[in-house]
């Protein structure tokens, strides 16, 4: 008995997965695997954040010098991109830390919207996911 929506694209071919495989609660081995992936990503992001990201507007990636207006625009663009990258790193790090905190309170793998289990395949792709596919899809359609 397979659901028509529950398909997986694997190496160009489509095969169906049973709904029980998609929405099944995580076992201890899966939890340990996902936790180690999250801890590894946290370490990588923290190292990148410390090494490459400017601390704030006063620590700009490119310093402005008196040059032509086109050069000033380029400098501003580069600094805006560096600040945007800093925000992205900070947001990723925050979501990973939040996911790791859920291991402590026992709520990891549960959808924050509906409370159902988030499928292992979704968590393998996005271990920091806070919503199941159905709730994430519904929110994205708004």
Protein backbone atom coordinates (compact mmCIF):
# COMPACT_ATOMS: atom_id res chain seq x y z
CA UNK A 1 0.00 0.00 0.00
CA UNK A 2 1.78 3.16 -1.25
CA UNK A 3 0.76 6.80 -1.33
CA UNK A 4 0.85 8.42 -4.77
CA UNK A 5 2.59 11.53 -3.39
CA UNK A 6 5.26 9.59 -1.56
CA UNK A 7 7.85 9.26 -4.28
CA UNK A 8 11.59 9.44 -4.22
CA UNK A 9 13.69 10.36 -7.20
CA UNK A 10 16.80 8.23 -7.09
CA UNK A 11 19.33 8.27 -9.92
CA UNK A 12 16.77 9.26 -12.51
CA UNK A 13 14.15 6.67 -11.61
CA UNK A 14 11.14 7.16 -9.42
CA UNK A 15 10.21 4.70 -6.76
CA UNK A 16 7.47 4.92 -4.22
CA UNK A 17 7.97 4.93 -0.47
CA UNK A 18 5.37 3.84 2.00
CA UNK A 19 3.95 6.63 4.15
CA UNK A 20 5.16 4.78 7.23
CA UNK A 21 8.77 5.17 6.06
CA UNK A 22 8.31 8.87 5.46
CA UNK A 23 6.59 9.88 8.70
CA UNK A 24 8.06 7.29 11.05
CA UNK A 25 9.46 8.38 14.41
CA UNK A 26 13.24 8.44 14.63
CA UNK A 27 15.06 5.55 16.23
CA UNK A 28 18.12 6.00 18.48
CA UNK A 29 20.62 5.36 15.68
CA UNK A 30 18.98 7.95 13.42
CA UNK A 31 18.91 10.49 16.24
CA UNK A 32 22.61 9.92 16.96
CA UNK A 33 23.49 10.29 13.28
CA UNK A 34 21.52 13.51 12.88
CA UNK A 35 22.93 14.94 16.11
CA UNK A 36 26.49 14.28 14.96
CA UNK A 37 25.76 15.92 11.59
CA UNK A 38 24.35 18.99 13.36
CA UNK A 39 27.33 19.18 15.73
CA UNK A 40 29.73 18.94 12.79
CA UNK A 41 27.89 21.69 10.89
CA UNK A 42 27.85 23.85 14.00
CA UNK A 43 31.61 23.48 14.34
CA UNK A 44 32.20 24.29 10.67
CA UNK A 45 29.94 27.34 10.74
CA UNK A 46 31.43 28.59 13.99
CA UNK A 47 34.93 28.33 12.52
CA UNK A 48 33.87 30.12 9.33
CA UNK A 49 32.04 32.76 11.32
CA UNK A 50 35.08 33.49 13.48
CA UNK A 51 37.53 33.53 10.58
CA UNK A 52 35.78 35.28 7.72
CA UNK A 53 32.84 37.36 8.86
CA UNK A 54 33.17 41.02 9.83
CA UNK A 55 31.92 41.77 13.33
CA UNK A 56 29.86 44.76 12.27
CA UNK A 57 29.61 47.85 10.15
CA UNK A 58 32.82 49.28 11.60
CA UNK A 59 34.75 46.18 10.48
CA UNK A 60 33.86 46.40 6.80
CA UNK A 61 35.24 43.83 4.40
CA UNK A 62 36.50 46.57 2.05
CA UNK A 63 37.48 50.00 3.32
CA UNK A 64 36.23 53.00 1.39
CA UNK A 65 38.86 55.25 -0.07
CA UNK A 66 38.45 58.42 -2.02
CA UNK A 67 37.93 57.21 -5.56
CA UNK A 68 35.44 57.51 -8.38
CA UNK A 69 31.70 57.11 -7.72
CA UNK A 70 31.74 53.74 -9.53
CA UNK A 71 34.48 52.45 -7.22
CA UNK A 72 32.53 53.66 -4.19
CA UNK A 73 29.46 51.80 -5.41
CA UNK A 74 31.52 48.63 -5.82
CA UNK A 75 32.95 48.99 -2.32
CA UNK A 76 29.45 49.48 -0.87
CA UNK A 77 28.19 46.43 -2.78
CA UNK A 78 31.06 44.27 -1.50
CA UNK A 79 30.45 45.43 2.06
CA UNK A 80 26.71 44.78 1.73
CA UNK A 81 27.44 41.26 0.48
CA UNK A 82 29.83 40.64 3.38
CA UNK A 83 27.20 41.80 5.89
CA UNK A 84 24.56 39.65 4.20
CA UNK A 85 26.89 36.65 4.43
CA UNK A 86 27.40 37.40 8.13
CA UNK A 87 23.63 37.43 8.65
CA UNK A 88 23.25 34.15 6.75
CA UNK A 89 25.96 32.47 8.84
CA UNK A 90 24.42 33.79 12.06
CA UNK A 91 20.95 32.54 11.06
CA UNK A 92 22.26 29.11 10.07
CA UNK A 93 24.20 28.83 13.31
CA UNK A 94 21.13 29.89 15.31
CA UNK A 95 18.88 27.30 13.63
CA UNK A 96 21.46 24.54 14.20
CA UNK A 97 21.84 25.49 17.87
CA UNK A 98 18.05 25.49 18.22
CA UNK A 99 17.86 22.02 16.66
CA UNK A 100 20.58 20.73 19.00
CA UNK A 101 18.70 22.18 21.99
CA UNK A 102 15.66 20.13 20.95
CA UNK A 103 17.66 16.95 21.57
CA UNK A 104 17.92 17.98 25.23
CA UNK A 105 14.20 18.59 25.70
CA UNK A 106 13.16 15.58 23.61
CA UNK A 107 11.34 17.52 20.91
CA UNK A 108 13.82 16.95 18.07
CA UNK A 109 12.11 15.45 15.04
CA UNK A 110 8.68 16.84 15.91
CA UNK A 111 7.04 19.47 13.72
CA UNK A 112 6.70 22.81 15.52
CA UNK A 113 3.46 23.51 13.69
CA UNK A 114 1.42 20.28 13.89
CA UNK A 115 3.42 18.19 16.39
CA UNK A 116 3.74 15.18 14.08
CA UNK A 117 7.01 13.40 13.37
CA UNK A 118 9.26 14.92 10.72
CA UNK A 119 10.37 12.17 8.36
CA UNK A 120 13.93 10.87 8.53
CA UNK A 121 14.49 11.57 4.84
CA UNK A 122 13.63 15.25 5.38
CA UNK A 123 15.89 15.45 8.42
CA UNK A 124 18.72 13.83 6.47
CA UNK A 125 18.41 16.60 3.89
CA UNK A 126 17.86 19.38 6.45
CA UNK A 127 18.75 18.20 9.98
CA UNK A 128 17.79 21.61 11.37
CA UNK A 129 14.27 21.42 9.88
CA UNK A 130 11.63 22.56 12.35
CA UNK A 131 8.59 21.73 10.21
CA UNK A 132 7.35 18.62 8.45
CA UNK A 133 7.03 18.76 4.68
CA UNK A 134 3.27 19.34 4.77
CA UNK A 135 3.50 22.32 7.13
CA UNK A 136 6.54 23.77 5.33
CA UNK A 137 4.72 23.53 2.00
CA UNK A 138 1.62 25.18 3.45
CA UNK A 139 3.67 28.08 4.86
CA UNK A 140 5.56 28.57 1.59
CA UNK A 141 2.28 28.80 -0.33
CA UNK A 142 1.06 31.73 1.78
